[in-house]
């Protein structure tokens, strides 16, 4: 991931306030074909 900026799309602030987050995960999808612009 060199040279790419990380953009946070959504975050659950209530979960971070009420619970201790031990681990964070990153997930994504790649659009190919006609659905990608």
PDB file of N, CA and C in Angstrom:
ATOM      1  N   UNK A   1       0.818  -1.194   0.000  1.00  0.00           N
ATOM      2  CA  UNK A   1       0.000   0.000   0.000  1.00  0.00           C
ATOM      3  C   UNK A   1       0.860   1.256   0.000  1.00  0.00           C
ATOM      4  N   UNK A   2       1.951   1.228  -0.659  1.00  0.00           N
ATOM      5  CA  UNK A   2       2.794   2.405  -0.711  1.00  0.00           C
ATOM      6  C   UNK A   2       2.191   3.431  -1.650  1.00  0.00           C
ATOM      7  N   UNK A   3       2.132   4.665  -1.185  1.00  0.00           N
ATOM      8  CA  UNK A   3       1.618   5.741  -2.006  1.00  0.00           C
ATOM      9  C   UNK A   3       0.113   5.895  -2.015  1.00  0.00           C
ATOM     10  N   UNK A   4      -0.635   5.058  -1.314  1.00  0.00           N
ATOM     11  CA  UNK A   4      -2.090   5.166  -1.278  1.00  0.00           C
ATOM     12  C   UNK A   4      -2.527   5.731   0.068  1.00  0.00           C
ATOM     13  N   UNK A   5      -3.450   6.663   0.036  1.00  0.00           N
ATOM     14  CA  UNK A   5      -4.003   7.227   1.266  1.00  0.00           C
ATOM     15  C   UNK A   5      -5.172   6.372   1.736  1.00  0.00           C
ATOM     16  N   UNK A   6      -5.307   6.212   3.041  1.00  0.00           N
ATOM     17  CA  UNK A   6      -6.409   5.446   3.614  1.00  0.00           C
ATOM     18  C   UNK A   6      -7.561   6.402   3.902  1.00  0.00           C
ATOM     19  N   UNK A   7      -8.746   6.066   3.420  1.00  0.00           N
ATOM     20  CA  UNK A   7      -9.936   6.888   3.630  1.00  0.00           C
ATOM     21  C   UNK A   7     -10.939   6.081   4.444  1.00  0.00           C
ATOM     22  N   UNK A   8     -11.326   6.590   5.601  1.00  0.00           N
ATOM     23  CA  UNK A   8     -12.320   5.933   6.441  1.00  0.00           C
ATOM     24  C   UNK A   8     -13.701   6.335   5.943  1.00  0.00           C
ATOM     25  N   UNK A   9     -14.497   5.348   5.566  1.00  0.00           N
ATOM     26  CA  UNK A   9     -15.831   5.613   5.031  1.00  0.00           C
ATOM     27  C   UNK A   9     -16.845   5.716   6.159  1.00  0.00           C
ATOM     28  N   UNK A  10     -16.755   4.828   7.145  1.00  0.00           N
ATOM     29  CA  UNK A  10     -17.689   4.840   8.259  1.00  0.00           C
ATOM     30  C   UNK A  10     -16.988   4.378   9.525  1.00  0.00           C
ATOM     31  N   UNK A  11     -17.505   4.804  10.651  1.00  0.00           N
ATOM     32  CA  UNK A  11     -16.927   4.429  11.937  1.00  0.00           C
ATOM     33  C   UNK A  11     -18.043   4.374  12.971  1.00  0.00           C
ATOM     34  N   UNK A  12     -18.034   3.347  13.810  1.00  0.00           N
ATOM     35  CA  UNK A  12     -19.045   3.198  14.848  1.00  0.00           C
ATOM     36  C   UNK A  12     -18.523   3.861  16.125  1.00  0.00           C
ATOM     37  N   UNK A  13     -18.850   5.124  16.328  1.00  0.00           N
ATOM     38  CA  UNK A  13     -18.350   5.879  17.482  1.00  0.00           C
ATOM     39  C   UNK A  13     -18.939   5.377  18.794  1.00  0.00           C
ATOM     40  N   UNK A  14     -20.196   4.937  18.771  1.00  0.00           N
ATOM     41  CA  UNK A  14     -20.829   4.427  19.984  1.00  0.00           C
ATOM     42  C   UNK A  14     -20.122   3.166  20.475  1.00  0.00           C
ATOM     43  N   UNK A  15     -19.746   2.283  19.569  1.00  0.00           N
ATOM     44  CA  UNK A  15     -19.033   1.059  19.951  1.00  0.00           C
ATOM     45  C   UNK A  15     -17.672   1.397  20.547  1.00  0.00           C
ATOM     46  N   UNK A  16     -16.989   2.374  20.007  1.00  0.00           N
ATOM     47  CA  UNK A  16     -15.690   2.770  20.558  1.00  0.00           C
ATOM     48  C   UNK A  16     -15.846   3.401  21.940  1.00  0.00           C
ATOM     49  N   UNK A  17     -16.967   4.047  22.188  1.00  0.00           N
ATOM     50  CA  UNK A  17     -17.198   4.692  23.480  1.00  0.00           C
ATOM     51  C   UNK A  17     -17.564   3.674  24.560  1.00  0.00           C
ATOM     52  N   UNK A  18     -18.398   2.705  24.222  1.00  0.00           N
ATOM     53  CA  UNK A  18     -18.914   1.758  25.209  1.00  0.00           C
ATOM     54  C   UNK A  18     -18.048   0.521  25.402  1.00  0.00           C
ATOM     55  N   UNK A  19     -17.175   0.219  24.450  1.00  0.00           N
ATOM     56  CA  UNK A  19     -16.383  -1.007  24.512  1.00  0.00           C
ATOM     57  C   UNK A  19     -14.920  -0.703  24.244  1.00  0.00           C
ATOM     58  N   UNK A  20     -14.045  -1.589  24.712  1.00  0.00           N
ATOM     59  CA  UNK A  20     -12.630  -1.482  24.422  1.00  0.00           C
ATOM     60  C   UNK A  20     -12.347  -2.268  23.142  1.00  0.00           C
ATOM     61  N   UNK A  21     -11.865  -1.591  22.121  1.00  0.00           N
ATOM     62  CA  UNK A  21     -11.583  -2.233  20.837  1.00  0.00           C
ATOM     63  C   UNK A  21     -10.172  -2.821  20.892  1.00  0.00           C
ATOM     64  N   UNK A  22     -10.078  -4.154  20.839  1.00  0.00           N
ATOM     65  CA  UNK A  22      -8.781  -4.824  20.894  1.00  0.00           C
ATOM     66  C   UNK A  22      -8.140  -4.969  19.523  1.00  0.00           C
ATOM     67  N   UNK A  23      -8.952  -5.070  18.495  1.00  0.00           N
ATOM     68  CA  UNK A  23      -8.418  -5.330  17.164  1.00  0.00           C
ATOM     69  C   UNK A  23      -9.287  -4.632  16.130  1.00  0.00           C
ATOM     70  N   UNK A  24      -8.667  -4.033  15.145  1.00  0.00           N
ATOM     71  CA  UNK A  24      -9.414  -3.431  14.046  1.00  0.00           C
ATOM     72  C   UNK A  24      -9.078  -4.185  12.767  1.00  0.00           C
ATOM     73  N   UNK A  25     -10.068  -4.312  11.907  1.00  0.00           N
ATOM     74  CA  UNK A  25      -9.909  -5.023  10.643  1.00  0.00           C
ATOM     75  C   UNK A  25     -10.220  -4.083   9.490  1.00  0.00           C
ATOM     76  N   UNK A  26      -9.581  -4.323   8.371  1.00  0.00           N
ATOM     77  CA  UNK A  26      -9.828  -3.541   7.165  1.00  0.00           C
ATOM     78  C   UNK A  26     -10.394  -4.467   6.104  1.00  0.00           C
ATOM     79  N   UNK A  27     -11.470  -4.038   5.467  1.00  0.00           N
ATOM     80  CA  UNK A  27     -12.099  -4.848   4.421  1.00  0.00           C
ATOM     81  C   UNK A  27     -12.424  -3.953   3.233  1.00  0.00           C
ATOM     82  N   UNK A  28     -12.547  -4.552   2.091  1.00  0.00           N
ATOM     83  CA  UNK A  28     -12.878  -3.769   0.909  1.00  0.00           C
ATOM     84  C   UNK A  28     -13.330  -4.665  -0.221  1.00  0.00           C
ATOM     85  N   UNK A  29     -13.688  -4.027  -1.337  1.00  0.00           N
ATOM     86  CA  UNK A  29     -14.091  -4.786  -2.516  1.00  0.00           C
ATOM     87  C   UNK A  29     -13.574  -4.066  -3.749  1.00  0.00           C
ATOM     88  N   UNK A  30     -13.379  -4.829  -4.783  1.00  0.00           N
ATOM     89  CA  UNK A  30     -12.927  -4.292  -6.058  1.00  0.00           C
ATOM     90  C   UNK A  30     -14.042  -4.494  -7.068  1.00  0.00           C
ATOM     91  N   UNK A  31     -14.461  -3.400  -7.693  1.00  0.00           N
ATOM     92  CA  UNK A  31     -15.498  -3.484  -8.721  1.00  0.00           C
ATOM     93  C   UNK A  31     -14.835  -3.631 -10.082  1.00  0.00           C
ATOM     94  N   UNK A  32     -15.300  -4.591 -10.850  1.00  0.00           N
ATOM     95  CA  UNK A  32     -14.776  -4.790 -12.201  1.00  0.00           C
ATOM     96  C   UNK A  32     -15.938  -4.908 -13.170  1.00  0.00           C
ATOM     97  N   UNK A  33     -15.672  -4.648 -14.401  1.00  0.00           N
ATOM     98  CA  UNK A  33     -16.705  -4.803 -15.423  1.00  0.00           C
ATOM     99  C   UNK A  33     -17.597  -3.589 -15.548  1.00  0.00           C
ATOM    100  N   UNK A  34     -18.876  -3.820 -15.840  1.00  0.00           N
ATOM    101  CA  UNK A  34     -19.795  -2.728 -16.158  1.00  0.00           C
ATOM    102  C   UNK A  34     -20.210  -1.915 -14.943  1.00  0.00           C
ATOM    103  N   UNK A  35     -20.095  -2.456 -13.721  1.00  0.00           N
ATOM    104  CA  UNK A  35     -20.527  -1.693 -12.549  1.00  0.00           C
ATOM    105  C   UNK A  35     -19.487  -0.665 -12.105  1.00  0.00           C
ATOM    106  N   UNK A  36     -18.258  -0.769 -12.588  1.00  0.00           N
ATOM    107  CA  UNK A  36     -17.204   0.177 -12.224  1.00  0.00           C
ATOM    108  C   UNK A  36     -17.176   1.324 -13.227  1.00  0.00           C
ATOM    109  N   UNK A  37     -17.041   2.540 -12.716  1.00  0.00           N
ATOM    110  CA  UNK A  37     -16.962   3.700 -13.613  1.00  0.00           C
ATOM    111  C   UNK A  37     -15.561   4.252 -13.608  1.00  0.00           C
TER     112      UNK A  37
END
